[in-house]
Protein backbone atom coordinates (compact mmCIF):
# COMPACT_ATOMS: atom_id res chain seq x y z
CA UNK A 1 -19.02 -9.56 13.72
CA UNK A 2 -15.49 -8.64 12.63
CA UNK A 3 -14.49 -4.98 13.01
CA UNK A 4 -14.51 -2.96 9.81
CA UNK A 5 -11.25 -1.83 8.28
CA UNK A 6 -10.12 1.78 8.31
CA UNK A 7 -7.80 3.01 5.56
CA UNK A 8 -4.72 4.92 6.71
CA UNK A 9 -3.30 7.90 4.83
CA UNK A 10 0.35 9.01 4.81
CA UNK A 11 -0.20 12.08 7.00
CA UNK A 12 -1.79 10.01 9.75
CA UNK A 13 0.84 7.26 9.66
CA UNK A 14 3.68 9.80 9.73
CA UNK A 15 2.16 11.60 12.73
CA UNK A 16 1.57 8.29 14.51
CA UNK A 17 5.26 7.39 14.40
CA UNK A 18 6.71 10.88 14.62
CA UNK A 19 6.37 12.03 18.22
CA UNK A 20 7.58 15.52 17.20
CA UNK A 21 4.35 16.12 15.29
CA UNK A 22 1.91 18.41 17.11
CA UNK A 23 -0.92 16.04 16.14
CA UNK A 24 0.78 12.97 17.59
CA UNK A 25 -1.42 12.85 20.70
CA UNK A 26 -4.73 12.96 18.78
CA UNK A 27 -3.46 10.42 16.29
CA UNK A 28 -2.31 8.08 19.08
CA UNK A 29 -5.74 8.28 20.70
CA UNK A 30 -7.39 7.21 17.43
CA UNK A 31 -4.84 4.40 17.00
CA UNK A 32 -5.63 3.11 20.49
CA UNK A 33 -9.38 3.34 19.90
CA UNK A 34 -9.30 1.48 16.58
CA UNK A 35 -6.49 -0.97 17.31
CA UNK A 36 -6.44 -3.84 14.82
CA UNK A 37 -8.64 -2.15 12.23
CA UNK A 38 -6.04 -0.24 10.23
CA UNK A 39 -5.49 -1.17 6.60
CA UNK A 40 -2.45 0.49 5.06
CA UNK A 41 -2.18 0.81 1.28
CA UNK A 42 1.35 -0.08 0.17
CA UNK A 43 1.63 3.22 -1.71
CA UNK A 44 1.36 5.02 1.63
CA UNK A 45 4.54 3.31 2.85
CA UNK A 46 6.63 4.88 0.09
CA UNK A 47 5.44 8.36 0.95
CA UNK A 48 5.92 7.96 4.70
CA UNK A 49 9.34 6.32 4.30
CA UNK A 50 10.41 9.30 2.20
CA UNK A 51 9.21 11.72 4.89
CA UNK A 52 11.12 9.94 7.66
CA UNK A 53 14.27 9.66 5.56
CA UNK A 54 14.05 13.32 4.56
CA UNK A 55 13.42 14.54 8.12
CA UNK A 56 15.84 12.33 10.03
CA UNK A 57 17.89 10.29 7.60
CA UNK A 58 18.42 6.56 7.78
CA UNK A 59 18.10 6.36 11.61
CA UNK A 60 14.58 7.85 11.51
CA UNK A 61 13.61 5.65 8.59
CA UNK A 62 14.88 2.53 10.38
CA UNK A 63 12.95 3.39 13.57
CA UNK A 64 9.79 3.73 11.48
CA UNK A 65 10.35 0.46 9.62
CA UNK A 66 11.18 -1.41 12.82
CA UNK A 67 7.99 -0.10 14.44
CA UNK A 68 5.93 -1.17 11.41
CA UNK A 69 7.44 -4.65 11.45
CA UNK A 70 6.20 -5.23 14.99
CA UNK A 71 2.83 -3.46 14.61
CA UNK A 72 1.19 -6.27 12.63
CA UNK A 73 -0.89 -4.07 10.32
CA UNK A 74 -2.80 -5.33 7.30
CA UNK A 75 -1.65 -3.99 3.94
CA UNK A 76 -3.38 -3.60 0.58
CA UNK A 77 -2.13 -3.32 -2.99
CA UNK A 78 -3.60 -1.34 -5.86
CA UNK A 79 -5.00 -3.62 -8.56
CA UNK A 80 -5.23 -2.98 -12.31
CA UNK A 81 -8.93 -2.16 -11.81
CA UNK A 82 -7.85 0.20 -9.05
CA UNK A 83 -5.56 2.03 -11.45
CA UNK A 84 -8.47 2.47 -13.85
CA UNK A 85 -10.61 3.92 -11.04
CA UNK A 86 -7.72 6.18 -9.95
CA UNK A 87 -7.56 7.59 -13.49
CA UNK A 88 -11.32 8.22 -13.39
CA UNK A 89 -11.04 10.04 -10.05
CA UNK A 90 -8.12 12.17 -11.23
CA UNK A 91 -10.04 13.09 -14.39
CA UNK A 92 -13.33 13.77 -12.61
CA UNK A 93 -11.71 15.95 -9.95
CA UNK A 94 -9.12 17.56 -12.24
CA UNK A 95 -9.68 21.05 -10.83
CA UNK A 96 -9.09 19.82 -7.27
CA UNK A 97 -5.60 18.49 -8.12
CA UNK A 98 -5.89 15.39 -5.93
CA UNK A 99 -2.60 13.68 -5.18
CA UNK A 100 -1.96 10.14 -6.43
CA UNK A 101 -1.82 8.46 -3.00
CA UNK A 102 -5.10 10.06 -1.94
CA UNK A 103 -6.72 8.80 -5.17
CA UNK A 104 -5.38 5.31 -4.41
CA UNK A 105 -7.05 5.44 -1.00
CA UNK A 106 -10.30 6.68 -2.54
CA UNK A 107 -10.31 3.83 -5.07
CA UNK A 108 -9.50 1.28 -2.37
CA UNK A 109 -12.30 2.61 -0.16
CA UNK A 110 -14.77 2.01 -2.97
CA UNK A 111 -13.42 -1.42 -3.91
CA UNK A 112 -13.31 -2.65 -0.33
CA UNK A 113 -16.50 -0.88 0.78
CA UNK A 114 -14.63 1.05 3.49
CA UNK A 115 -16.15 4.29 4.77
CA UNK A 116 -13.49 5.53 7.22
CA UNK A 117 -10.08 7.04 6.51
CA UNK A 118 -7.47 8.15 9.03
CA UNK A 119 -5.92 11.31 7.61
CA UNK A 120 -4.74 14.76 8.60
CA UNK A 121 -5.05 15.92 4.98
CA UNK A 122 -8.79 16.36 4.97
CA UNK A 123 -9.19 18.67 1.97
CA UNK A 124 -9.16 16.07 -0.82
CA UNK A 125 -11.15 13.47 1.07
CA UNK A 126 -13.87 15.95 2.02
CA UNK A 127 -14.32 16.99 -1.63
CA UNK A 128 -14.46 13.42 -2.94
CA UNK A 129 -17.87 11.73 -3.31
CA UNK A 130 -17.40 7.94 -3.35
CA UNK A 131 -19.67 5.59 -5.27
CA UNK A 132 -20.39 3.30 -2.31
CA UNK A 133 -21.47 5.88 0.29
CA UNK A 134 -22.35 9.56 0.60
CA UNK A 135 -18.95 10.56 1.99
CA UNK A 136 -15.89 9.16 3.73
CA UNK A 137 -15.72 9.59 7.49
CA UNK A 138 -12.39 11.22 8.30
CA UNK A 139 -10.55 10.47 11.53
CA UNK A 140 -9.41 12.15 13.74
C-alpha cells in the first residue's frame, strides 16, 4: 500500500529550511519520519519564497529554491473547483478570518482525501471542520 500524502503549510516549510527557526528541530524530525509523503501546494511556495527573500534577500531565497529543487517533493495546483470550495470556506468561517493559503490547503485536503497537515499555524486548521473527516491531524 502506498503511503498517504501529507499536505505542507508555509510555516512548516519555512521552518524546515530555516535553521534559525526555534522549531527547526521538531520540524526536521517530522520530515525524517514522513519522508516521501509531503505534498506541497504551489500557493505555499509563493508565501515561503517571500519569507526567505524578506528575511535574507536573494541569497536566502536561492538557498531555499536550490534545496527544493533537489528534494523531489510532489506539488499540487488549485483547480477551478478548488477556488469555489475556497470561497465557501472563507464565507463559512468569515469570523475566523482564515488566510487564503490555509483555505487552499483545506480545500485540497478535502479534494484529495488527505487528513494530515504539517503546519505550525494550528489555529485555523483546528477550527476548520472538513467534509471528508472529523478533523485534520496537525503535525508536529
